[in-house]
C-alpha atoms as a PDB file:
ATOM      1  CA  UNK A   1      -2.617   4.946  -5.754  1.00  0.00           C
ATOM      2  CA  UNK A   2      -4.276   7.701  -3.733  1.00  0.00           C
ATOM      3  CA  UNK A   3      -6.466   7.208  -0.703  1.00  0.00           C
ATOM      4  CA  UNK A   4     -10.217   7.504  -1.147  1.00  0.00           C
ATOM      5  CA  UNK A   5     -12.014   9.552   1.483  1.00  0.00           C
ATOM      6  CA  UNK A   6     -15.557   9.644   2.812  1.00  0.00           C
ATOM      7  CA  UNK A   7     -17.603  12.790   2.281  1.00  0.00           C
ATOM      8  CA  UNK A   8     -17.575  14.290   5.760  1.00  0.00           C
ATOM      9  CA  UNK A   9     -19.000  17.779   5.187  1.00  0.00           C
ATOM     10  CA  UNK A  10     -22.795  17.500   5.416  1.00  0.00           C
ATOM     11  CA  UNK A  11     -23.540  20.560   3.238  1.00  0.00           C
ATOM     12  CA  UNK A  12     -21.288  19.261   0.472  1.00  0.00           C
ATOM     13  CA  UNK A  13     -22.818  15.819   0.877  1.00  0.00           C
ATOM     14  CA  UNK A  14     -26.294  17.283   0.284  1.00  0.00           C
ATOM     15  CA  UNK A  15     -25.082  19.088  -2.859  1.00  0.00           C
ATOM     16  CA  UNK A  16     -23.436  15.859  -4.025  1.00  0.00           C
ATOM     17  CA  UNK A  17     -26.636  13.859  -3.500  1.00  0.00           C
ATOM     18  CA  UNK A  18     -28.906  16.390  -5.210  1.00  0.00           C
ATOM     19  CA  UNK A  19     -26.774  16.982  -8.310  1.00  0.00           C
ATOM     20  CA  UNK A  20     -28.398  14.310 -10.502  1.00  0.00           C
ATOM     21  CA  UNK A  21     -31.854  14.981  -9.064  1.00  0.00           C
ATOM     22  CA  UNK A  22     -32.193  18.741  -9.494  1.00  0.00           C
ATOM     23  CA  UNK A  23     -29.159  20.284 -11.236  1.00  0.00           C
ATOM     24  CA  UNK A  24     -28.631  17.727 -14.009  1.00  0.00           C
ATOM     25  CA  UNK A  25     -31.595  15.342 -13.769  1.00  0.00           C
ATOM     26  CA  UNK A  26     -30.322  11.860 -14.534  1.00  0.00           C
ATOM     27  CA  UNK A  27     -32.317   9.591 -12.276  1.00  0.00           C
ATOM     28  CA  UNK A  28     -30.249   6.451 -12.820  1.00  0.00           C
ATOM     29  CA  UNK A  29     -27.156   8.308 -11.608  1.00  0.00           C
ATOM     30  CA  UNK A  30     -29.039   9.854  -8.678  1.00  0.00           C
ATOM     31  CA  UNK A  31     -30.330   6.455  -7.601  1.00  0.00           C
ATOM     32  CA  UNK A  32     -26.889   4.853  -7.903  1.00  0.00           C
ATOM     33  CA  UNK A  33     -25.394   7.480  -5.608  1.00  0.00           C
ATOM     34  CA  UNK A  34     -28.213   7.255  -3.055  1.00  0.00           C
ATOM     35  CA  UNK A  35     -28.079   3.454  -2.953  1.00  0.00           C
ATOM     36  CA  UNK A  36     -24.287   3.525  -2.696  1.00  0.00           C
ATOM     37  CA  UNK A  37     -24.423   5.936   0.237  1.00  0.00           C
ATOM     38  CA  UNK A  38     -27.211   4.113   2.083  1.00  0.00           C
ATOM     39  CA  UNK A  39     -26.340   0.455   1.512  1.00  0.00           C
ATOM     40  CA  UNK A  40     -22.528   0.660   1.658  1.00  0.00           C
ATOM     41  CA  UNK A  41     -22.339  -1.949  -1.111  1.00  0.00           C
ATOM     42  CA  UNK A  42     -19.087  -2.161  -3.026  1.00  0.00           C
ATOM     43  CA  UNK A  43     -19.520  -0.640  -6.486  1.00  0.00           C
ATOM     44  CA  UNK A  44     -19.140  -4.071  -8.115  1.00  0.00           C
ATOM     45  CA  UNK A  45     -22.126  -5.360  -6.106  1.00  0.00           C
ATOM     46  CA  UNK A  46     -24.142  -2.171  -6.585  1.00  0.00           C
ATOM     47  CA  UNK A  47     -23.820  -2.256 -10.365  1.00  0.00           C
ATOM     48  CA  UNK A  48     -24.946  -5.897 -10.481  1.00  0.00           C
ATOM     49  CA  UNK A  49     -28.309  -5.141  -8.847  1.00  0.00           C
ATOM     50  CA  UNK A  50     -31.351  -5.986 -10.935  1.00  0.00           C
ATOM     51  CA  UNK A  51     -34.882  -4.688 -10.535  1.00  0.00           C
ATOM     52  CA  UNK A  52     -35.864  -8.085  -9.106  1.00  0.00           C
ATOM     53  CA  UNK A  53     -33.423  -7.513  -6.230  1.00  0.00           C
ATOM     54  CA  UNK A  54     -35.279  -4.391  -5.092  1.00  0.00           C
ATOM     55  CA  UNK A  55     -38.821  -4.706  -6.477  1.00  0.00           C
ATOM     56  CA  UNK A  56     -41.529  -7.326  -5.935  1.00  0.00           C
ATOM     57  CA  UNK A  57     -43.511  -7.244  -9.172  1.00  0.00           C
ATOM     58  CA  UNK A  58     -46.310  -9.493  -7.853  1.00  0.00           C
ATOM     59  CA  UNK A  59     -46.988  -7.197  -4.902  1.00  0.00           C
ATOM     60  CA  UNK A  60     -46.011  -4.105  -6.936  1.00  0.00           C
ATOM     61  CA  UNK A  61     -43.863  -2.665  -4.184  1.00  0.00           C
ATOM     62  CA  UNK A  62     -40.238  -2.272  -3.248  1.00  0.00           C
ATOM     63  CA  UNK A  63     -38.714  -4.921  -1.033  1.00  0.00           C
ATOM     64  CA  UNK A  64     -37.935  -4.164   2.605  1.00  0.00           C
ATOM     65  CA  UNK A  65     -34.430  -5.649   2.268  1.00  0.00           C
ATOM     66  CA  UNK A  66     -31.901  -5.936  -0.517  1.00  0.00           C
ATOM     67  CA  UNK A  67     -30.187  -9.305  -0.255  1.00  0.00           C
ATOM     68  CA  UNK A  68     -27.003 -10.078  -2.155  1.00  0.00           C
ATOM     69  CA  UNK A  69     -24.046 -12.423  -2.135  1.00  0.00           C
ATOM     70  CA  UNK A  70     -20.994 -10.165  -2.083  1.00  0.00           C
ATOM     71  CA  UNK A  71     -18.777 -10.672  -5.087  1.00  0.00           C
ATOM     72  CA  UNK A  72     -15.534 -10.052  -3.172  1.00  0.00           C
ATOM     73  CA  UNK A  73     -16.222 -12.065  -0.004  1.00  0.00           C
ATOM     74  CA  UNK A  74     -18.860 -14.574  -1.112  1.00  0.00           C
ATOM     75  CA  UNK A  75     -20.789 -13.657   2.048  1.00  0.00           C
ATOM     76  CA  UNK A  76     -24.516 -13.035   2.157  1.00  0.00           C
ATOM     77  CA  UNK A  77     -25.581  -9.515   3.003  1.00  0.00           C
ATOM     78  CA  UNK A  78     -29.055  -8.175   3.753  1.00  0.00           C
ATOM     79  CA  UNK A  79     -29.600  -4.418   3.881  1.00  0.00           C
ATOM     80  CA  UNK A  80     -32.802  -2.749   5.051  1.00  0.00           C
ATOM     81  CA  UNK A  81     -34.274  -0.294   2.566  1.00  0.00           C
ATOM     82  CA  UNK A  82     -34.501   3.110   4.256  1.00  0.00           C
ATOM     83  CA  UNK A  83     -36.668   6.089   3.232  1.00  0.00           C
ATOM     84  CA  UNK A  84     -33.931   7.695   1.089  1.00  0.00           C
ATOM     85  CA  UNK A  85     -33.390   4.487  -0.870  1.00  0.00           C
ATOM     86  CA  UNK A  86     -37.132   4.062  -1.336  1.00  0.00           C
ATOM     87  CA  UNK A  87     -37.436   7.665  -2.583  1.00  0.00           C
ATOM     88  CA  UNK A  88     -34.599   7.185  -5.078  1.00  0.00           C
ATOM     89  CA  UNK A  89     -36.037   3.886  -6.329  1.00  0.00           C
ATOM     90  CA  UNK A  90     -39.424   5.565  -6.790  1.00  0.00           C
ATOM     91  CA  UNK A  91     -37.809   8.393  -8.765  1.00  0.00           C
ATOM     92  CA  UNK A  92     -36.048   5.869 -11.001  1.00  0.00           C
ATOM     93  CA  UNK A  93     -39.134   3.671 -11.338  1.00  0.00           C
ATOM     94  CA  UNK A  94     -41.269   6.630 -12.391  1.00  0.00           C
ATOM     95  CA  UNK A  95     -38.740   7.869 -14.958  1.00  0.00           C
ATOM     96  CA  UNK A  96     -40.536   6.127 -17.809  1.00  0.00           C
ATOM     97  CA  UNK A  97     -38.660   2.854 -18.226  1.00  0.00           C
ATOM     98  CA  UNK A  98     -40.781  -0.257 -17.732  1.00  0.00           C
ATOM     99  CA  UNK A  99     -39.709  -2.323 -14.741  1.00  0.00           C
ATOM    100  CA  UNK A 100     -38.530  -5.781 -15.748  1.00  0.00           C
ATOM    101  CA  UNK A 101     -37.178  -7.912 -12.893  1.00  0.00           C
ATOM    102  CA  UNK A 102     -34.292  -9.206 -15.054  1.00  0.00           C
ATOM    103  CA  UNK A 103     -33.058  -5.768 -16.137  1.00  0.00           C
ATOM    104  CA  UNK A 104     -30.141  -4.116 -14.399  1.00  0.00           C
ATOM    105  CA  UNK A 105     -31.106  -1.309 -12.067  1.00  0.00           C
ATOM    106  CA  UNK A 106     -28.223   0.793 -13.378  1.00  0.00           C
ATOM    107  CA  UNK A 107     -28.411  -0.018 -17.051  1.00  0.00           C
ATOM    108  CA  UNK A 108     -25.563   1.072 -19.251  1.00  0.00           C
ATOM    109  CA  UNK A 109     -26.581   2.975 -22.356  1.00  0.00           C
ATOM    110  CA  UNK A 110     -30.029   2.513 -23.801  1.00  0.00           C
ATOM    111  CA  UNK A 111     -30.350  -1.186 -23.118  1.00  0.00           C
ATOM    112  CA  UNK A 112     -31.100  -2.700 -19.727  1.00  0.00           C
ATOM    113  CA  UNK A 113     -29.329  -5.967 -20.596  1.00  0.00           C
ATOM    114  CA  UNK A 114     -25.949  -4.455 -19.636  1.00  0.00           C
ATOM    115  CA  UNK A 115     -25.078  -2.551 -16.477  1.00  0.00           C
ATOM    116  CA  UNK A 116     -22.956   0.547 -16.062  1.00  0.00           C
ATOM    117  CA  UNK A 117     -19.243  -0.114 -16.090  1.00  0.00           C
ATOM    118  CA  UNK A 118     -17.063   0.781 -13.117  1.00  0.00           C
ATOM    119  CA  UNK A 119     -15.412   3.531 -15.154  1.00  0.00           C
ATOM    120  CA  UNK A 120     -18.808   5.033 -16.047  1.00  0.00           C
ATOM    121  CA  UNK A 121     -19.805   4.906 -12.365  1.00  0.00           C
ATOM    122  CA  UNK A 122     -16.529   6.603 -11.425  1.00  0.00           C
ATOM    123  CA  UNK A 123     -17.188   9.456 -13.896  1.00  0.00           C
ATOM    124  CA  UNK A 124     -20.726   9.873 -12.512  1.00  0.00           C
ATOM    125  CA  UNK A 125     -19.424  10.155  -8.940  1.00  0.00           C
ATOM    126  CA  UNK A 126     -16.585  12.511  -9.938  1.00  0.00           C
ATOM    127  CA  UNK A 127     -18.942  14.883 -11.770  1.00  0.00           C
ATOM    128  CA  UNK A 128     -21.254  15.186  -8.760  1.00  0.00           C
ATOM    129  CA  UNK A 129     -18.233  15.594  -6.461  1.00  0.00           C
ATOM    130  CA  UNK A 130     -16.846  18.423  -8.576  1.00  0.00           C
ATOM    131  CA  UNK A 131     -20.214  20.186  -8.504  1.00  0.00           C
ATOM    132  CA  UNK A 132     -20.335  19.847  -4.693  1.00  0.00           C
ATOM    133  CA  UNK A 133     -16.860  21.336  -4.374  1.00  0.00           C
ATOM    134  CA  UNK A 134     -15.280  18.195  -2.981  1.00  0.00           C
ATOM    135  CA  UNK A 135     -11.533  18.526  -3.310  1.00  0.00           C
ATOM    136  CA  UNK A 136     -10.707  15.301  -1.498  1.00  0.00           C
ATOM    137  CA  UNK A 137     -10.016  12.077  -3.314  1.00  0.00           C
ATOM    138  CA  UNK A 138     -13.579  11.009  -4.098  1.00  0.00           C
ATOM    139  CA  UNK A 139     -14.374   7.798  -5.965  1.00  0.00           C
ATOM    140  CA  UNK A 140     -17.076   5.133  -6.014  1.00  0.00           C
ATOM    141  CA  UNK A 141     -15.567   3.708  -2.840  1.00  0.00           C
ATOM    142  CA  UNK A 142     -16.255   7.047  -1.131  1.00  0.00           C
ATOM    143  CA  UNK A 143     -19.958   6.112  -1.134  1.00  0.00           C
ATOM    144  CA  UNK A 144     -19.202   3.078   1.029  1.00  0.00           C
ATOM    145  CA  UNK A 145     -16.834   4.991   3.294  1.00  0.00           C
ATOM    146  CA  UNK A 146     -19.269   7.908   3.678  1.00  0.00           C
ATOM    147  CA  UNK A 147     -21.905   5.532   5.041  1.00  0.00           C
ATOM    148  CA  UNK A 148     -19.510   4.263   7.711  1.00  0.00           C
ATOM    149  CA  UNK A 149     -18.199   7.672   8.682  1.00  0.00           C
ATOM    150  CA  UNK A 150     -21.674   9.160   9.203  1.00  0.00           C
ATOM    151  CA  UNK A 151     -22.926   6.039  10.978  1.00  0.00           C
ATOM    152  CA  UNK A 152     -19.925   6.286  13.322  1.00  0.00           C
ATOM    153  CA  UNK A 153     -20.600  10.001  13.875  1.00  0.00           C
ATOM    154  CA  UNK A 154     -24.200   9.092  14.834  1.00  0.00           C
ATOM    155  CA  UNK A 155     -22.924   6.705  17.485  1.00  0.00           C
ATOM    156  CA  UNK A 156     -22.870   3.339  15.705  1.00  0.00           C
ATOM    157  CA  UNK A 157     -20.202   1.231  17.381  1.00  0.00           C
ATOM    158  CA  UNK A 158     -17.190   0.335  15.201  1.00  0.00           C
ATOM    159  CA  UNK A 159     -17.702  -3.366  15.972  1.00  0.00           C
ATOM    160  CA  UNK A 160     -21.175  -3.178  14.402  1.00  0.00           C
ATOM    161  CA  UNK A 161     -19.795  -1.294  11.402  1.00  0.00           C
ATOM    162  CA  UNK A 162     -17.211  -4.050  10.994  1.00  0.00           C
ATOM    163  CA  UNK A 163     -20.080  -6.549  10.848  1.00  0.00           C
ATOM    164  CA  UNK A 164     -22.098  -4.408   8.400  1.00  0.00           C
ATOM    165  CA  UNK A 165     -19.109  -4.089   6.086  1.00  0.00           C
ATOM    166  CA  UNK A 166     -18.220  -7.799   6.392  1.00  0.00           C
ATOM    167  CA  UNK A 167     -14.668  -6.764   7.268  1.00  0.00           C
ATOM    168  CA  UNK A 168     -12.318  -9.402   8.601  1.00  0.00           C
ATOM    169  CA  UNK A 169     -10.721  -7.087  11.165  1.00  0.00           C
ATOM    170  CA  UNK A 170     -11.417  -3.955  13.164  1.00  0.00           C
ATOM    171  CA  UNK A 171      -8.235  -2.435  11.732  1.00  0.00           C
ATOM    172  CA  UNK A 172      -9.766  -2.374   8.231  1.00  0.00           C
ATOM    173  CA  UNK A 173     -12.937  -0.726   9.544  1.00  0.00           C
ATOM    174  CA  UNK A 174     -10.918   1.856  11.477  1.00  0.00           C
ATOM    175  CA  UNK A 175      -9.051   2.742   8.276  1.00  0.00           C
ATOM    176  CA  UNK A 176     -12.395   3.167   6.459  1.00  0.00           C
ATOM    177  CA  UNK A 177     -13.575   5.769   8.948  1.00  0.00           C
ATOM    178  CA  UNK A 178     -10.654   8.089   8.099  1.00  0.00           C
ATOM    179  CA  UNK A 179     -10.575   9.510  11.620  1.00  0.00           C
ATOM    180  CA  UNK A 180      -8.519  12.687  11.593  1.00  0.00           C
ATOM    181  CA  UNK A 181      -7.202  15.071  14.223  1.00  0.00           C
ATOM    182  CA  UNK A 182     -10.301  17.280  14.022  1.00  0.00           C
ATOM    183  CA  UNK A 183     -12.457  14.257  14.939  1.00  0.00           C
ATOM    184  CA  UNK A 184     -10.216  13.566  17.923  1.00  0.00           C
ATOM    185  CA  UNK A 185     -10.227  17.256  18.917  1.00  0.00           C
ATOM    186  CA  UNK A 186     -14.038  17.302  18.892  1.00  0.00           C
ATOM    187  CA  UNK A 187     -14.091  14.476  21.457  1.00  0.00           C
ATOM    188  CA  UNK A 188     -11.664  16.301  23.753  1.00  0.00           C
ATOM    189  CA  UNK A 189     -13.596  19.566  23.450  1.00  0.00           C
ATOM    190  CA  UNK A 190     -17.033  18.006  23.947  1.00  0.00           C
ATOM    191  CA  UNK A 191     -16.253  15.713  26.875  1.00  0.00           C
ATOM    192  CA  UNK A 192     -15.928  18.105  29.763  1.00  0.00           C
ATOM    193  CA  UNK A 193     -15.755  16.274  33.096  1.00  0.00           C
END
């Protein structure tokens, strides 16, 4: 089994994100990728999301937080909805399909009663990755790892990332970040005392 990597290159990340929005418009796929990158949900939890998890039909607006019980850990997780997630949800919501709170956000096929399978999600991610020129081992889990890597690069402390991921140890979180020699070199070159 090969190691899955985060998408570290920001230009390639932008191409990856935009593929299903502008190159091959498929708004469900675009929204899945954007939510995966910005919530760091495991793909099993992401695919289980329903419209009612993200949209308040009474108030006719998107929720400020997406709250789930993680399938793997059984732990509750609440994620703030940022501007990119809101944009993607708007794109999906305006794509013509009526919003029903009980329908899956990432419906498989023509019916909203079934969600995308993990293998379908994997193919969606791989196609966008190929377009972006990502040679690394990219999979659905790369969405989760990409969130952590870029959060870490922006100064988020690893202990907080561990909490966000619901990891049981710092060692697991450290492995997620895929810190390489070039990351270490950058520290040595930038810290000049």
